[in-house]
Amino acid sequence: MITNEILLDFIEKHPKYKLVGELMPTAKTVTKGENIYLVVSKDNTVEEIPEKEIMNNPQKYLKKQIWLKPPFHYELVVSLKRIKD
């Protein structure tokens, strides 16, 4: 298994390489027709709330930040890239 320490050691020994990251979608997190929102509370915690809950209890969500949850879950993939001279 390649660990972060191994990659950092490799880069230190081979300065022509660097680490690059890329966000890759792993799976859809929301099914069609189901809207899930991210609600940010006063203490900056985030909750996933279904649209139906917000519509049925609007007074609970007044003056809170409400964001539509993105349909994909992402994973950070790290790779080595050779630096061009």
C-alpha atoms as a PDB file:
ATOM      1  CA  MET A   1       0.000   0.000   0.000  1.00  0.00           C
ATOM      2  CA  ILE A   2       1.315   3.441  -0.917  1.00  0.00           C
ATOM      3  CA  THR A   3       1.032   5.916   1.933  1.00  0.00           C
ATOM      4  CA  ASN A   4       1.307   9.686   2.078  1.00  0.00           C
ATOM      5  CA  GLU A   5       4.710   9.352   3.759  1.00  0.00           C
ATOM      6  CA  ILE A   6       6.052   7.210   0.891  1.00  0.00           C
ATOM      7  CA  LEU A   7       4.904   9.772  -1.684  1.00  0.00           C
ATOM      8  CA  LEU A   8       6.403  12.684   0.267  1.00  0.00           C
ATOM      9  CA  ASP A   9       9.690  10.792   0.627  1.00  0.00           C
ATOM     10  CA  PHE A  10       9.722  10.080  -3.126  1.00  0.00           C
ATOM     11  CA  ILE A  11       9.132  13.753  -3.970  1.00  0.00           C
ATOM     12  CA  GLU A  12      11.896  14.811  -1.604  1.00  0.00           C
ATOM     13  CA  LYS A  13      14.357  12.458  -3.354  1.00  0.00           C
ATOM     14  CA  HIS A  14      13.087  13.249  -6.884  1.00  0.00           C
ATOM     15  CA  PRO A  15      12.449  17.012  -7.237  1.00  0.00           C
ATOM     16  CA  LYS A  16      11.220  16.590 -10.825  1.00  0.00           C
ATOM     17  CA  TYR A  17       7.933  15.231  -9.445  1.00  0.00           C
ATOM     18  CA  LYS A  18       5.091  16.850  -7.556  1.00  0.00           C
ATOM     19  CA  LEU A  19       1.779  15.756  -6.047  1.00  0.00           C
ATOM     20  CA  VAL A  20      -1.415  16.800  -7.806  1.00  0.00           C
ATOM     21  CA  GLY A  21      -4.958  16.241  -6.612  1.00  0.00           C
ATOM     22  CA  GLU A  22      -8.176  15.692  -8.514  1.00  0.00           C
ATOM     23  CA  LEU A  23     -11.760  15.482  -7.284  1.00  0.00           C
ATOM     24  CA  MET A  24     -13.507  12.422  -8.677  1.00  0.00           C
ATOM     25  CA  PRO A  25     -17.256  11.798  -8.311  1.00  0.00           C
ATOM     26  CA  THR A  26     -17.777   8.434  -6.634  1.00  0.00           C
ATOM     27  CA  ALA A  27     -21.553   8.027  -6.640  1.00  0.00           C
ATOM     28  CA  LYS A  28     -24.788   9.953  -6.827  1.00  0.00           C
ATOM     29  CA  THR A  29     -26.085  10.766  -3.366  1.00  0.00           C
ATOM     30  CA  VAL A  30     -29.576  11.945  -4.281  1.00  0.00           C
ATOM     31  CA  THR A  31     -32.188  10.080  -6.273  1.00  0.00           C
ATOM     32  CA  LYS A  32     -34.318  11.847  -8.891  1.00  0.00           C
ATOM     33  CA  GLY A  33     -37.193  13.817  -7.454  1.00  0.00           C
ATOM     34  CA  GLU A  34     -35.743  13.910  -3.948  1.00  0.00           C
ATOM     35  CA  ASN A  35     -34.220  17.282  -3.035  1.00  0.00           C
ATOM     36  CA  ILE A  36     -31.917  17.280  -0.053  1.00  0.00           C
ATOM     37  CA  TYR A  37     -30.694  20.621   1.302  1.00  0.00           C
ATOM     38  CA  LEU A  38     -27.701  21.500   3.435  1.00  0.00           C
ATOM     39  CA  VAL A  39     -28.836  23.794   6.250  1.00  0.00           C
ATOM     40  CA  VAL A  40     -26.178  25.811   8.088  1.00  0.00           C
ATOM     41  CA  SER A  41     -27.111  26.679  11.671  1.00  0.00           C
ATOM     42  CA  LYS A  42     -25.873  29.601  13.808  1.00  0.00           C
ATOM     43  CA  ASP A  43     -23.024  27.515  15.251  1.00  0.00           C
ATOM     44  CA  ASN A  44     -21.871  26.632  11.674  1.00  0.00           C
ATOM     45  CA  THR A  45     -22.957  23.005  11.818  1.00  0.00           C
ATOM     46  CA  VAL A  46     -24.415  21.532   8.643  1.00  0.00           C
ATOM     47  CA  GLU A  47     -27.412  19.230   8.507  1.00  0.00           C
ATOM     48  CA  GLU A  48     -28.902  17.385   5.543  1.00  0.00           C
ATOM     49  CA  ILE A  49     -32.631  18.160   5.476  1.00  0.00           C
ATOM     50  CA  PRO A  50     -35.204  16.885   2.954  1.00  0.00           C
ATOM     51  CA  GLU A  51     -37.237  19.535   1.133  1.00  0.00           C
ATOM     52  CA  LYS A  52     -40.467  18.187   2.597  1.00  0.00           C
ATOM     53  CA  GLU A  53     -39.201  18.869   6.149  1.00  0.00           C
ATOM     54  CA  ILE A  54     -38.352  22.485   5.282  1.00  0.00           C
ATOM     55  CA  MET A  55     -41.726  23.063   3.605  1.00  0.00           C
ATOM     56  CA  ASN A  56     -43.643  21.566   6.560  1.00  0.00           C
ATOM     57  CA  ASN A  57     -41.698  23.532   9.231  1.00  0.00           C
ATOM     58  CA  PRO A  58     -40.611  26.815   7.605  1.00  0.00           C
ATOM     59  CA  GLN A  59     -40.355  28.782  10.873  1.00  0.00           C
ATOM     60  CA  LYS A  60     -37.582  26.421  12.024  1.00  0.00           C
ATOM     61  CA  TYR A  61     -35.403  27.319   8.997  1.00  0.00           C
ATOM     62  CA  LEU A  62     -35.910  31.093   8.795  1.00  0.00           C
ATOM     63  CA  LYS A  63     -32.676  33.114   8.798  1.00  0.00           C
ATOM     64  CA  LYS A  64     -30.538  30.023   8.153  1.00  0.00           C
ATOM     65  CA  GLN A  65     -28.380  29.412   5.115  1.00  0.00           C
ATOM     66  CA  ILE A  66     -29.939  26.752   2.897  1.00  0.00           C
ATOM     67  CA  TRP A  67     -27.944  25.177   0.054  1.00  0.00           C
ATOM     68  CA  LEU A  68     -29.024  22.551  -2.444  1.00  0.00           C
ATOM     69  CA  LYS A  69     -26.933  19.447  -1.838  1.00  0.00           C
ATOM     70  CA  PRO A  70     -24.793  18.524  -4.854  1.00  0.00           C
ATOM     71  CA  PRO A  71     -25.888  15.272  -6.480  1.00  0.00           C
ATOM     72  CA  PHE A  72     -22.442  13.654  -6.293  1.00  0.00           C
ATOM     73  CA  HIS A  73     -20.106  12.552  -3.531  1.00  0.00           C
ATOM     74  CA  TYR A  74     -16.453  13.296  -4.317  1.00  0.00           C
ATOM     75  CA  GLU A  75     -13.199  11.609  -3.401  1.00  0.00           C
ATOM     76  CA  LEU A  76      -9.793  13.267  -3.561  1.00  0.00           C
ATOM     77  CA  VAL A  77      -7.367  11.280  -5.716  1.00  0.00           C
ATOM     78  CA  VAL A  78      -3.662  12.116  -5.405  1.00  0.00           C
ATOM     79  CA  SER A  79      -1.101  11.251  -8.068  1.00  0.00           C
ATOM     80  CA  LEU A  80       2.489  11.966  -8.984  1.00  0.00           C
ATOM     81  CA  LYS A  81       3.131  14.255 -11.893  1.00  0.00           C
ATOM     82  CA  ARG A  82       6.474  14.910 -13.541  1.00  0.00           C
ATOM     83  CA  ILE A  83       7.360  18.589 -13.752  1.00  0.00           C
ATOM     84  CA  LYS A  84       8.217  19.613 -17.297  1.00  0.00           C
ATOM     85  CA  ASP A  85      11.563  21.332 -17.721  1.00  0.00           C
END
